[in-house]
Amino acid sequence: MKKLGLQGNKFWRKTRKYNSYKGTVGKVTKNLINRRFYTNVSYQKLTTDITEFKCAGGAKLYLNPIMDMFNGEILSFGISKRPNLELVMEPLKEAIEIVKDSTYRTTIHSDQGWHYQHKKWVKTLKKNRVFQSMSRKGNCLDNSPIENFFGLLKQEMYHGEALCSFEVLKNKIERYIDYFNNKRIKQKLAGMSPVQYRIHTSQLAA
């Protein structure tokens, strides 16, 4: 590629990473996950973060997914034109409803963004007996599972494509997450998609 003067347009970052850190706004919790991402139990370890997309006309789109580290499945997600508190609270409520009957107590991991230090987020976790874990400041490797998802998402359906409207991009992301959960196979999941693997392992356990 170098000799022919070719350059890929899917594997380079066009914009700076979205950063929701506004300085310590509350008591920052411990890093309970501490890069121990592996678990053989669904709904035990969840992770979340926010990423930003550019849309046509200068608009922006913000995505906040909640991922199960067990199989990489996106349990819930929020999409908004602004990185407001509801962007994270609605997916959290959906995820809590999904994991409420899990065998082991759930831990949810995030960075130190203001959303995850907000009293409403913290109070909701405590009310539902969900442990809170946070990455160290400025250390993206502490939350690499969700960062890897963002990388795949943008490489496969965003980078190298023409900018589109908010609504068109929202639809594309929703369709991609459905594809990612139900059809995109992974070698580490024995050649199954995240949903297929979860169903398969639950049947074995039964």
N, C-alpha and C. Protein backbone atom coordinates (compact mmCIF):
# COMPACT_ATOMS: atom_id res chain seq x y z
N MET A 1 0.82 -1.20 0.00
CA MET A 1 0.00 0.00 0.00
C MET A 1 0.86 1.26 0.00
N LYS A 2 1.99 1.21 0.75
CA LYS A 2 2.87 2.38 0.82
C LYS A 2 3.50 2.65 -0.55
N LYS A 3 3.94 1.58 -1.24
CA LYS A 3 4.57 1.75 -2.55
C LYS A 3 3.61 2.31 -3.58
N LEU A 4 2.35 1.91 -3.49
CA LEU A 4 1.35 2.34 -4.46
C LEU A 4 0.66 3.65 -4.04
N GLY A 5 1.03 4.16 -2.88
CA GLY A 5 0.43 5.41 -2.41
C GLY A 5 -1.01 5.25 -1.98
N LEU A 6 -1.36 4.05 -1.46
CA LEU A 6 -2.74 3.79 -1.03
C LEU A 6 -2.87 4.04 0.46
N GLN A 7 -4.05 4.50 0.85
CA GLN A 7 -4.31 4.78 2.26
C GLN A 7 -5.71 4.33 2.62
N GLY A 8 -5.81 3.52 3.68
CA GLY A 8 -7.12 3.08 4.15
C GLY A 8 -7.85 4.23 4.82
N ASN A 9 -9.16 4.27 4.67
CA ASN A 9 -9.93 5.35 5.30
C ASN A 9 -10.87 4.84 6.37
N LYS A 10 -10.70 3.58 6.81
CA LYS A 10 -11.56 3.02 7.85
C LYS A 10 -10.85 2.91 9.20
N PHE A 11 -9.53 3.07 9.22
CA PHE A 11 -8.80 2.74 10.42
C PHE A 11 -7.95 3.90 10.96
N TRP A 12 -8.48 5.09 10.84
CA TRP A 12 -7.81 6.23 11.44
C TRP A 12 -8.84 7.16 12.03
N ARG A 13 -8.46 7.77 13.15
CA ARG A 13 -9.40 8.60 13.90
C ARG A 13 -9.47 9.99 13.28
N LYS A 14 -10.66 10.42 12.92
CA LYS A 14 -10.84 11.72 12.30
C LYS A 14 -11.04 12.83 13.33
N THR A 15 -11.62 12.49 14.45
CA THR A 15 -11.96 13.51 15.44
C THR A 15 -11.42 13.10 16.80
N ARG A 16 -11.31 14.07 17.68
CA ARG A 16 -10.85 13.77 19.03
C ARG A 16 -11.89 12.96 19.77
N LYS A 17 -11.41 12.16 20.72
CA LYS A 17 -12.31 11.34 21.53
C LYS A 17 -13.15 12.24 22.43
N TYR A 18 -14.44 11.92 22.52
CA TYR A 18 -15.31 12.69 23.42
C TYR A 18 -14.88 12.47 24.86
N ASN A 19 -14.81 13.53 25.62
CA ASN A 19 -14.38 13.47 27.01
C ASN A 19 -15.40 14.18 27.88
N SER A 20 -16.04 13.42 28.78
CA SER A 20 -17.07 14.01 29.64
C SER A 20 -16.54 14.34 31.02
N TYR A 21 -15.22 14.23 31.20
CA TYR A 21 -14.64 14.56 32.51
C TYR A 21 -14.62 16.07 32.71
N LYS A 22 -15.21 16.53 33.78
CA LYS A 22 -15.30 17.97 34.06
C LYS A 22 -14.59 18.34 35.36
N GLY A 23 -13.70 17.49 35.80
CA GLY A 23 -13.11 17.69 37.12
C GLY A 23 -13.96 16.94 38.13
N THR A 24 -13.38 16.59 39.25
CA THR A 24 -14.10 15.80 40.25
C THR A 24 -15.33 16.55 40.74
N VAL A 25 -16.50 15.94 40.56
CA VAL A 25 -17.74 16.57 40.99
C VAL A 25 -18.35 15.84 42.18
N GLY A 26 -17.72 14.78 42.59
CA GLY A 26 -18.23 14.00 43.71
C GLY A 26 -17.15 13.04 44.16
N LYS A 27 -17.48 12.11 45.01
CA LYS A 27 -16.52 11.12 45.47
C LYS A 27 -16.34 10.06 44.39
N VAL A 28 -15.16 10.01 43.80
CA VAL A 28 -14.88 9.04 42.74
C VAL A 28 -14.71 7.66 43.36
N THR A 29 -15.43 6.68 42.83
CA THR A 29 -15.42 5.35 43.41
C THR A 29 -14.19 4.56 42.97
N LYS A 30 -13.94 3.43 43.58
CA LYS A 30 -12.77 2.61 43.29
C LYS A 30 -12.92 1.89 41.95
N ASN A 31 -11.80 1.47 41.41
CA ASN A 31 -11.77 0.66 40.20
C ASN A 31 -11.90 -0.81 40.61
N LEU A 32 -13.13 -1.26 40.82
CA LEU A 32 -13.37 -2.63 41.26
C LEU A 32 -13.03 -3.65 40.19
N ILE A 33 -13.25 -3.30 38.92
CA ILE A 33 -12.95 -4.22 37.83
C ILE A 33 -11.44 -4.40 37.68
N ASN A 34 -10.68 -3.29 37.73
CA ASN A 34 -9.22 -3.33 37.70
C ASN A 34 -8.69 -4.19 36.55
N ARG A 35 -9.28 -4.01 35.38
CA ARG A 35 -8.93 -4.73 34.15
C ARG A 35 -9.21 -6.24 34.20
N ARG A 36 -9.96 -6.67 35.18
CA ARG A 36 -10.38 -8.08 35.22
C ARG A 36 -11.69 -8.19 34.44
N PHE A 37 -11.57 -8.11 33.13
CA PHE A 37 -12.75 -8.02 32.28
C PHE A 37 -13.45 -9.37 32.10
N TYR A 38 -12.70 -10.45 32.24
CA TYR A 38 -13.28 -11.77 31.96
C TYR A 38 -14.28 -12.19 33.05
N THR A 39 -15.36 -12.78 32.63
CA THR A 39 -16.31 -13.43 33.52
C THR A 39 -17.02 -14.52 32.74
N ASN A 40 -17.32 -15.63 33.40
CA ASN A 40 -18.05 -16.71 32.73
C ASN A 40 -19.52 -16.71 33.12
N VAL A 41 -19.97 -15.58 33.66
CA VAL A 41 -21.35 -15.43 34.11
C VAL A 41 -21.97 -14.20 33.45
N SER A 42 -23.09 -14.35 32.82
CA SER A 42 -23.75 -13.21 32.19
C SER A 42 -24.31 -12.26 33.25
N TYR A 43 -24.32 -10.97 32.91
CA TYR A 43 -24.88 -9.90 33.73
C TYR A 43 -24.11 -9.63 35.02
N GLN A 44 -22.92 -10.21 35.17
CA GLN A 44 -22.13 -9.96 36.38
C GLN A 44 -21.29 -8.70 36.27
N LYS A 45 -20.69 -8.48 35.09
CA LYS A 45 -19.85 -7.31 34.87
C LYS A 45 -20.33 -6.56 33.63
N LEU A 46 -20.76 -5.33 33.84
CA LEU A 46 -21.20 -4.48 32.74
C LEU A 46 -20.23 -3.31 32.59
N THR A 47 -20.21 -2.71 31.40
CA THR A 47 -19.37 -1.54 31.17
C THR A 47 -20.10 -0.55 30.28
N THR A 48 -19.77 0.72 30.42
CA THR A 48 -20.45 1.75 29.64
C THR A 48 -19.54 2.94 29.40
N ASP A 49 -19.87 3.73 28.40
CA ASP A 49 -19.13 4.94 28.07
C ASP A 49 -19.94 5.71 27.03
N ILE A 50 -19.49 6.91 26.71
CA ILE A 50 -20.15 7.75 25.71
C ILE A 50 -19.17 8.03 24.58
N THR A 51 -19.66 7.97 23.34
CA THR A 51 -18.84 8.35 22.20
C THR A 51 -19.61 9.34 21.33
N GLU A 52 -18.87 10.11 20.56
CA GLU A 52 -19.44 11.20 19.77
C GLU A 52 -19.26 10.96 18.28
N PHE A 53 -20.27 11.32 17.49
CA PHE A 53 -20.23 11.24 16.04
C PHE A 53 -20.56 12.61 15.46
N LYS A 54 -19.97 12.93 14.32
CA LYS A 54 -20.34 14.13 13.58
C LYS A 54 -21.43 13.78 12.57
N CYS A 55 -22.39 14.67 12.42
CA CYS A 55 -23.46 14.51 11.43
C CYS A 55 -23.36 15.64 10.40
N ALA A 56 -24.12 15.52 9.34
CA ALA A 56 -24.16 16.57 8.32
C ALA A 56 -24.70 17.86 8.93
N GLY A 57 -24.22 18.98 8.42
CA GLY A 57 -24.72 20.27 8.88
C GLY A 57 -24.15 20.72 10.20
N GLY A 58 -23.10 20.06 10.68
CA GLY A 58 -22.48 20.47 11.93
C GLY A 58 -23.12 19.88 13.18
N ALA A 59 -24.16 19.08 13.02
CA ALA A 59 -24.81 18.46 14.17
C ALA A 59 -23.94 17.33 14.72
N LYS A 60 -24.25 16.91 15.94
CA LYS A 60 -23.53 15.81 16.56
C LYS A 60 -24.50 14.77 17.11
N LEU A 61 -24.01 13.55 17.22
CA LEU A 61 -24.79 12.46 17.81
C LEU A 61 -23.95 11.83 18.90
N TYR A 62 -24.60 11.54 20.04
CA TYR A 62 -23.92 10.93 21.18
C TYR A 62 -24.55 9.56 21.46
N LEU A 63 -23.70 8.57 21.63
CA LEU A 63 -24.14 7.19 21.88
C LEU A 63 -23.62 6.72 23.22
N ASN A 64 -24.51 6.14 24.03
CA ASN A 64 -24.14 5.57 25.33
C ASN A 64 -24.67 4.14 25.42
N PRO A 65 -23.84 3.14 25.10
CA PRO A 65 -24.27 1.75 25.24
C PRO A 65 -23.86 1.16 26.60
N ILE A 66 -24.57 0.14 27.04
CA ILE A 66 -24.17 -0.64 28.21
C ILE A 66 -23.91 -2.07 27.74
N MET A 67 -22.68 -2.53 27.95
CA MET A 67 -22.25 -3.83 27.43
C MET A 67 -22.05 -4.85 28.56
N ASP A 68 -22.42 -6.09 28.28
CA ASP A 68 -22.13 -7.20 29.18
C ASP A 68 -20.74 -7.74 28.83
N MET A 69 -19.81 -7.71 29.76
CA MET A 69 -18.46 -8.19 29.48
C MET A 69 -18.42 -9.70 29.25
N PHE A 70 -19.42 -10.41 29.68
CA PHE A 70 -19.47 -11.87 29.50
C PHE A 70 -19.39 -12.25 28.03
N ASN A 71 -20.18 -11.58 27.20
CA ASN A 71 -20.24 -11.95 25.78
C ASN A 71 -20.15 -10.75 24.83
N GLY A 72 -19.96 -9.57 25.38
CA GLY A 72 -19.87 -8.38 24.54
C GLY A 72 -21.21 -7.87 24.03
N GLU A 73 -22.30 -8.41 24.54
CA GLU A 73 -23.63 -8.01 24.09
C GLU A 73 -23.98 -6.61 24.57
N ILE A 74 -24.57 -5.80 23.69
CA ILE A 74 -25.06 -4.48 24.09
C ILE A 74 -26.46 -4.67 24.66
N LEU A 75 -26.59 -4.51 25.97
CA LEU A 75 -27.87 -4.76 26.65
C LEU A 75 -28.86 -3.62 26.42
N SER A 76 -28.35 -2.41 26.38
CA SER A 76 -29.21 -1.23 26.17
C SER A 76 -28.32 -0.10 25.68
N PHE A 77 -28.95 0.93 25.14
CA PHE A 77 -28.18 2.08 24.68
C PHE A 77 -29.07 3.30 24.54
N GLY A 78 -28.43 4.46 24.62
CA GLY A 78 -29.12 5.73 24.43
C GLY A 78 -28.46 6.50 23.31
N ILE A 79 -29.25 7.23 22.53
CA ILE A 79 -28.75 8.08 21.45
C ILE A 79 -29.40 9.45 21.60
N SER A 80 -28.58 10.50 21.52
CA SER A 80 -29.11 11.85 21.74
C SER A 80 -28.30 12.87 20.95
N LYS A 81 -28.91 14.04 20.74
CA LYS A 81 -28.20 15.14 20.09
C LYS A 81 -27.32 15.90 21.08
N ARG A 82 -27.54 15.65 22.37
CA ARG A 82 -26.76 16.32 23.41
C ARG A 82 -26.33 15.29 24.46
N PRO A 83 -25.15 15.47 25.04
CA PRO A 83 -24.68 14.52 26.06
C PRO A 83 -25.26 14.83 27.44
N ASN A 84 -26.60 14.80 27.52
CA ASN A 84 -27.26 15.14 28.78
C ASN A 84 -27.39 13.90 29.69
N LEU A 85 -27.95 14.11 30.88
CA LEU A 85 -28.03 13.03 31.86
C LEU A 85 -28.95 11.91 31.40
N GLU A 86 -30.02 12.24 30.70
CA GLU A 86 -30.95 11.21 30.23
C GLU A 86 -30.29 10.23 29.26
N LEU A 87 -29.25 10.68 28.59
CA LEU A 87 -28.52 9.80 27.67
C LEU A 87 -27.99 8.56 28.38
N VAL A 88 -27.64 8.72 29.66
CA VAL A 88 -27.12 7.56 30.41
C VAL A 88 -28.16 6.93 31.33
N MET A 89 -29.14 7.72 31.79
CA MET A 89 -30.10 7.19 32.77
C MET A 89 -31.09 6.20 32.16
N GLU A 90 -31.57 6.49 30.96
CA GLU A 90 -32.54 5.58 30.35
C GLU A 90 -31.93 4.21 30.04
N PRO A 91 -30.74 4.13 29.43
CA PRO A 91 -30.12 2.82 29.23
C PRO A 91 -29.84 2.10 30.54
N LEU A 92 -29.47 2.86 31.59
CA LEU A 92 -29.21 2.24 32.89
C LEU A 92 -30.47 1.56 33.43
N LYS A 93 -31.60 2.25 33.34
CA LYS A 93 -32.85 1.67 33.82
C LYS A 93 -33.21 0.40 33.05
N GLU A 94 -32.99 0.42 31.73
CA GLU A 94 -33.27 -0.77 30.91
C GLU A 94 -32.35 -1.91 31.29
N ALA A 95 -31.06 -1.62 31.51
CA ALA A 95 -30.10 -2.66 31.87
C ALA A 95 -30.41 -3.26 33.23
N ILE A 96 -30.79 -2.42 34.19
CA ILE A 96 -31.13 -2.91 35.53
C ILE A 96 -32.32 -3.85 35.46
N GLU A 97 -33.28 -3.54 34.63
CA GLU A 97 -34.45 -4.41 34.46
C GLU A 97 -34.03 -5.77 33.91
N ILE A 98 -33.03 -5.78 33.02
CA ILE A 98 -32.55 -7.03 32.42
C ILE A 98 -31.80 -7.88 33.43
N VAL A 99 -30.96 -7.25 34.27
CA VAL A 99 -30.08 -8.02 35.17
C VAL A 99 -30.66 -8.23 36.56
N LYS A 100 -31.84 -7.75 36.84
CA LYS A 100 -32.36 -7.75 38.21
C LYS A 100 -32.48 -9.13 38.83
N ASP A 101 -32.65 -10.17 38.00
CA ASP A 101 -32.79 -11.53 38.54
C ASP A 101 -31.53 -12.37 38.33
N SER A 102 -30.40 -11.71 38.07
CA SER A 102 -29.16 -12.46 37.82
C SER A 102 -28.68 -13.13 39.10
N THR A 103 -27.93 -14.21 38.92
CA THR A 103 -27.45 -15.01 40.05
C THR A 103 -26.47 -14.25 40.93
N TYR A 104 -25.57 -13.50 40.30
CA TYR A 104 -24.55 -12.76 41.03
C TYR A 104 -24.84 -11.26 40.97
N ARG A 105 -24.42 -10.58 42.02
CA ARG A 105 -24.63 -9.14 42.08
C ARG A 105 -23.84 -8.45 40.96
N THR A 106 -24.47 -7.52 40.29
CA THR A 106 -23.90 -6.87 39.11
C THR A 106 -22.97 -5.71 39.50
N THR A 107 -21.89 -5.57 38.72
CA THR A 107 -21.00 -4.41 38.82
C THR A 107 -21.02 -3.69 37.48
N ILE A 108 -21.17 -2.38 37.49
CA ILE A 108 -21.12 -1.61 36.25
C ILE A 108 -19.90 -0.67 36.29
N HIS A 109 -19.12 -0.72 35.23
CA HIS A 109 -17.85 0.00 35.15
C HIS A 109 -17.95 1.15 34.15
N SER A 110 -17.31 2.25 34.46
CA SER A 110 -17.34 3.43 33.56
C SER A 110 -16.07 4.24 33.76
N ASP A 111 -15.95 5.32 33.00
CA ASP A 111 -14.87 6.27 33.26
C ASP A 111 -15.36 7.26 34.32
N GLN A 112 -14.61 8.35 34.51
CA GLN A 112 -14.97 9.32 35.56
C GLN A 112 -15.77 10.50 35.01
N GLY A 113 -16.49 10.28 33.90
CA GLY A 113 -17.33 11.33 33.35
C GLY A 113 -18.36 11.82 34.35
N TRP A 114 -18.78 13.07 34.16
CA TRP A 114 -19.71 13.67 35.14
C TRP A 114 -21.02 12.92 35.23
N HIS A 115 -21.44 12.29 34.12
CA HIS A 115 -22.69 11.53 34.14
C HIS A 115 -22.66 10.43 35.21
N TYR A 116 -21.49 9.76 35.31
CA TYR A 116 -21.37 8.60 36.19
C TYR A 116 -21.01 8.98 37.62
N GLN A 117 -20.73 10.27 37.82
CA GLN A 117 -20.55 10.78 39.18
C GLN A 117 -21.81 11.48 39.68
N HIS A 118 -22.77 11.67 38.80
CA HIS A 118 -23.98 12.38 39.17
C HIS A 118 -24.75 11.62 40.25
N LYS A 119 -25.32 12.36 41.17
CA LYS A 119 -26.02 11.72 42.30
C LYS A 119 -27.18 10.84 41.86
N LYS A 120 -27.80 11.17 40.73
CA LYS A 120 -28.92 10.36 40.25
C LYS A 120 -28.43 9.00 39.78
N TRP A 121 -27.29 8.98 39.09
CA TRP A 121 -26.69 7.71 38.65
C TRP A 121 -26.28 6.86 39.85
N VAL A 122 -25.57 7.49 40.79
CA VAL A 122 -25.07 6.78 41.98
C VAL A 122 -26.23 6.25 42.82
N LYS A 123 -27.24 7.08 43.01
CA LYS A 123 -28.40 6.69 43.82
C LYS A 123 -29.15 5.52 43.18
N THR A 124 -29.29 5.55 41.86
CA THR A 124 -29.99 4.46 41.15
C THR A 124 -29.25 3.14 41.31
N LEU A 125 -27.91 3.18 41.24
CA LEU A 125 -27.12 1.96 41.43
C LEU A 125 -27.29 1.41 42.84
N LYS A 126 -27.19 2.28 43.82
CA LYS A 126 -27.32 1.84 45.22
C LYS A 126 -28.71 1.28 45.49
N LYS A 127 -29.72 1.93 44.95
CA LYS A 127 -31.10 1.48 45.16
C LYS A 127 -31.31 0.07 44.61
N ASN A 128 -30.64 -0.25 43.53
CA ASN A 128 -30.81 -1.56 42.88
C ASN A 128 -29.67 -2.53 43.20
N ARG A 129 -28.87 -2.20 44.20
CA ARG A 129 -27.79 -3.07 44.69
C ARG A 129 -26.81 -3.43 43.57
N VAL A 130 -26.46 -2.45 42.77
CA VAL A 130 -25.46 -2.63 41.72
C VAL A 130 -24.18 -1.95 42.16
N PHE A 131 -23.07 -2.69 42.14
CA PHE A 131 -21.78 -2.11 42.49
C PHE A 131 -21.32 -1.13 41.42
N GLN A 132 -20.66 -0.04 41.82
CA GLN A 132 -20.12 0.93 40.87
C GLN A 132 -18.61 0.84 40.84
N SER A 133 -18.05 0.85 39.62
CA SER A 133 -16.61 0.80 39.42
C SER A 133 -16.23 1.87 38.42
N MET A 134 -15.07 2.50 38.62
CA MET A 134 -14.62 3.56 37.70
C MET A 134 -13.17 3.37 37.31
N SER A 135 -12.87 3.68 36.05
CA SER A 135 -11.50 3.69 35.55
C SER A 135 -10.70 4.79 36.24
N ARG A 136 -9.38 4.66 36.18
CA ARG A 136 -8.53 5.77 36.61
C ARG A 136 -8.63 6.89 35.58
N LYS A 137 -8.44 8.12 36.01
CA LYS A 137 -8.58 9.26 35.13
C LYS A 137 -7.59 9.18 33.97
N GLY A 138 -8.10 9.36 32.75
CA GLY A 138 -7.25 9.42 31.57
C GLY A 138 -6.63 8.10 31.16
N ASN A 139 -7.25 6.98 31.58
CA ASN A 139 -6.68 5.67 31.26
C ASN A 139 -7.72 4.84 30.52
N CYS A 140 -7.74 4.95 29.20
CA CYS A 140 -8.77 4.27 28.41
C CYS A 140 -8.64 2.75 28.45
N LEU A 141 -7.42 2.23 28.74
CA LEU A 141 -7.24 0.78 28.81
C LEU A 141 -8.01 0.16 29.97
N ASP A 142 -8.35 0.98 30.97
CA ASP A 142 -9.14 0.47 32.09
C ASP A 142 -10.56 0.14 31.67
N ASN A 143 -10.97 0.60 30.48
CA ASN A 143 -12.32 0.33 29.99
C ASN A 143 -12.25 -0.14 28.53
N SER A 144 -11.28 -1.00 28.25
CA SER A 144 -11.01 -1.40 26.86
C SER A 144 -12.14 -2.17 26.18
N PRO A 145 -12.97 -2.97 26.88
CA PRO A 145 -14.04 -3.67 26.15
C PRO A 145 -14.98 -2.74 25.41
N ILE A 146 -15.42 -1.66 26.06
CA ILE A 146 -16.34 -0.74 25.39
C ILE A 146 -15.60 0.12 24.37
N GLU A 147 -14.33 0.43 24.62
CA GLU A 147 -13.53 1.17 23.65
C GLU A 147 -13.34 0.34 22.37
N ASN A 148 -13.13 -0.97 22.53
CA ASN A 148 -13.00 -1.85 21.37
C ASN A 148 -14.30 -1.88 20.56
N PHE A 149 -15.43 -1.88 21.25
CA PHE A 149 -16.72 -1.85 20.55
C PHE A 149 -16.87 -0.57 19.75
N PHE A 150 -16.52 0.56 20.35
CA PHE A 150 -16.60 1.83 19.62
C PHE A 150 -15.71 1.79 18.37
N GLY A 151 -14.52 1.19 18.50
CA GLY A 151 -13.62 1.10 17.37
C GLY A 151 -14.22 0.28 16.23
N LEU A 152 -14.79 -0.87 16.57
CA LEU A 152 -15.43 -1.71 15.55
C LEU A 152 -16.60 -1.01 14.90
N LEU A 153 -17.45 -0.41 15.72
CA LEU A 153 -18.63 0.29 15.23
C LEU A 153 -18.24 1.36 14.22
N LYS A 154 -17.28 2.18 14.55
CA LYS A 154 -16.90 3.29 13.68
C LYS A 154 -16.16 2.82 12.43
N GLN A 155 -15.35 1.79 12.57
CA GLN A 155 -14.64 1.26 11.41
C GLN A 155 -15.59 0.62 10.40
N GLU A 156 -16.61 -0.06 10.90
CA GLU A 156 -17.47 -0.85 10.04
C GLU A 156 -18.66 -0.09 9.46
N MET A 157 -19.06 1.02 10.07
CA MET A 157 -20.23 1.70 9.49
C MET A 157 -20.18 3.23 9.53
N TYR A 158 -19.03 3.80 9.93
CA TYR A 158 -18.98 5.27 10.05
C TYR A 158 -17.77 5.89 9.35
N HIS A 159 -16.56 5.50 9.72
CA HIS A 159 -15.37 6.08 9.09
C HIS A 159 -15.34 5.76 7.59
N GLY A 160 -14.97 6.75 6.80
CA GLY A 160 -14.89 6.57 5.36
C GLY A 160 -16.22 6.76 4.65
N GLU A 161 -17.29 7.01 5.41
CA GLU A 161 -18.62 7.23 4.82
C GLU A 161 -18.93 8.73 4.83
N ALA A 162 -19.77 9.15 3.92
CA ALA A 162 -20.18 10.56 3.87
C ALA A 162 -21.01 10.90 5.10
N LEU A 163 -20.86 12.11 5.62
CA LEU A 163 -21.66 12.53 6.76
C LEU A 163 -23.14 12.54 6.38
N CYS A 164 -23.98 12.10 7.30
CA CYS A 164 -25.42 12.05 7.04
C CYS A 164 -26.16 12.76 8.17
N SER A 165 -27.46 12.87 8.06
CA SER A 165 -28.25 13.55 9.07
C SER A 165 -28.28 12.75 10.37
N PHE A 166 -28.68 13.41 11.44
CA PHE A 166 -28.80 12.75 12.75
C PHE A 166 -29.71 11.53 12.67
N GLU A 167 -30.89 11.69 12.06
CA GLU A 167 -31.86 10.60 12.01
C GLU A 167 -31.34 9.41 11.20
N VAL A 168 -30.67 9.69 10.08
CA VAL A 168 -30.12 8.60 9.26
C VAL A 168 -29.03 7.87 10.02
N LEU A 169 -28.14 8.61 10.67
CA LEU A 169 -27.06 7.99 11.44
C LEU A 169 -27.61 7.20 12.62
N LYS A 170 -28.62 7.74 13.29
CA LYS A 170 -29.26 7.04 14.41
C LYS A 170 -29.79 5.69 13.94
N ASN A 171 -30.46 5.67 12.81
CA ASN A 171 -31.00 4.43 12.26
C ASN A 171 -29.88 3.45 11.92
N LYS A 172 -28.79 3.95 11.36
CA LYS A 172 -27.66 3.09 11.00
C LYS A 172 -27.03 2.46 12.25
N ILE A 173 -26.91 3.24 13.31
CA ILE A 173 -26.33 2.72 14.56
C ILE A 173 -27.25 1.67 15.18
N GLU A 174 -28.55 1.93 15.19
CA GLU A 174 -29.50 0.97 15.75
C GLU A 174 -29.44 -0.36 15.00
N ARG A 175 -29.36 -0.28 13.67
CA ARG A 175 -29.27 -1.50 12.85
C ARG A 175 -27.95 -2.22 13.08
N TYR A 176 -26.88 -1.45 13.25
CA TYR A 176 -25.58 -2.07 13.49
C TYR A 176 -25.57 -2.81 14.83
N ILE A 177 -26.12 -2.21 15.88
CA ILE A 177 -26.14 -2.86 17.19
C ILE A 177 -26.95 -4.14 17.15
N ASP A 178 -28.06 -4.14 16.41
CA ASP A 178 -28.84 -5.37 16.24
C ASP A 178 -28.01 -6.44 15.53
N TYR A 179 -27.29 -6.03 14.49
CA TYR A 179 -26.41 -6.95 13.76
C TYR A 179 -25.28 -7.45 14.67
N PHE A 180 -24.69 -6.53 15.44
CA PHE A 180 -23.58 -6.88 16.33
C PHE A 180 -24.01 -7.91 17.38
N ASN A 181 -25.19 -7.71 17.95
CA ASN A 181 -25.69 -8.62 18.99
C ASN A 181 -26.12 -9.98 18.44
N ASN A 182 -26.76 -9.98 17.30
CA ASN A 182 -27.44 -11.20 16.83
C ASN A 182 -26.77 -11.94 15.68
N LYS A 183 -25.91 -11.26 14.92
CA LYS A 183 -25.37 -11.91 13.73
C LYS A 183 -23.85 -11.89 13.62
N ARG A 184 -23.20 -10.88 14.20
CA ARG A 184 -21.75 -10.76 14.04
C ARG A 184 -21.04 -11.79 14.92
N ILE A 185 -20.43 -12.79 14.31
CA ILE A 185 -19.81 -13.88 15.07
C ILE A 185 -18.44 -13.46 15.59
N LYS A 186 -18.01 -14.11 16.68
CA LYS A 186 -16.72 -13.84 17.28
C LYS A 186 -16.01 -15.16 17.53
N GLN A 187 -14.72 -15.18 17.25
CA GLN A 187 -13.93 -16.39 17.46
C GLN A 187 -13.92 -16.78 18.93
N LYS A 188 -13.78 -15.78 19.82
CA LYS A 188 -13.70 -16.09 21.25
C LYS A 188 -15.04 -16.56 21.83
N LEU A 189 -16.11 -16.41 21.05
CA LEU A 189 -17.42 -16.92 21.47
C LEU A 189 -17.76 -18.21 20.71
N ALA A 190 -16.73 -18.95 20.35
CA ALA A 190 -16.89 -20.22 19.65
C ALA A 190 -17.63 -20.06 18.33
N GLY A 191 -17.37 -18.94 17.65
CA GLY A 191 -17.98 -18.72 16.35
C GLY A 191 -19.44 -18.34 16.39
N MET A 192 -19.90 -17.86 17.54
CA MET A 192 -21.31 -17.46 17.70
C MET A 192 -21.40 -15.95 17.91
N SER A 193 -22.58 -15.41 17.71
CA SER A 193 -22.83 -14.01 18.03
C SER A 193 -23.03 -13.90 19.55
N PRO A 194 -22.97 -12.69 20.11
CA PRO A 194 -23.18 -12.53 21.55
C PRO A 194 -24.49 -13.14 22.06
N VAL A 195 -25.59 -12.90 21.37
CA VAL A 195 -26.87 -13.44 21.82
C VAL A 195 -26.90 -14.96 21.69
N GLN A 196 -26.40 -15.48 20.59
CA GLN A 196 -26.33 -16.93 20.40
C GLN A 196 -25.51 -17.58 21.51
N TYR A 197 -24.40 -16.95 21.86
CA TYR A 197 -23.52 -17.51 22.89
C TYR A 197 -24.21 -17.49 24.26
N ARG A 198 -24.90 -16.40 24.57
CA ARG A 198 -25.62 -16.33 25.85
C ARG A 198 -26.68 -17.43 25.95
N ILE A 199 -27.44 -17.60 24.90
CA ILE A 199 -28.48 -18.63 24.90
C ILE A 199 -27.86 -20.02 25.00
N HIS A 200 -26.77 -20.24 24.25
CA HIS A 200 -26.09 -21.53 24.25
C HIS A 200 -25.57 -21.88 25.65
N THR A 201 -24.91 -20.94 26.31
CA THR A 201 -24.34 -21.22 27.62
C THR A 201 -25.43 -21.40 28.68
N SER A 202 -26.52 -20.67 28.55
CA SER A 202 -27.62 -20.83 29.52
C SER A 202 -28.28 -22.20 29.38
N GLN A 203 -28.35 -22.71 28.16
CA GLN A 203 -28.90 -24.04 27.94
C GLN A 203 -27.99 -25.11 28.49
N LEU A 204 -26.68 -24.92 28.37
CA LEU A 204 -25.72 -25.88 28.94
C LEU A 204 -25.81 -25.91 30.46
N ALA A 205 -25.96 -24.71 31.05
CA ALA A 205 -26.05 -24.61 32.51
C ALA A 205 -27.30 -25.27 33.03
N ALA A 206 -28.39 -25.19 32.23
CA ALA A 206 -29.66 -25.80 32.65
C ALA A 206 -29.57 -27.32 32.58
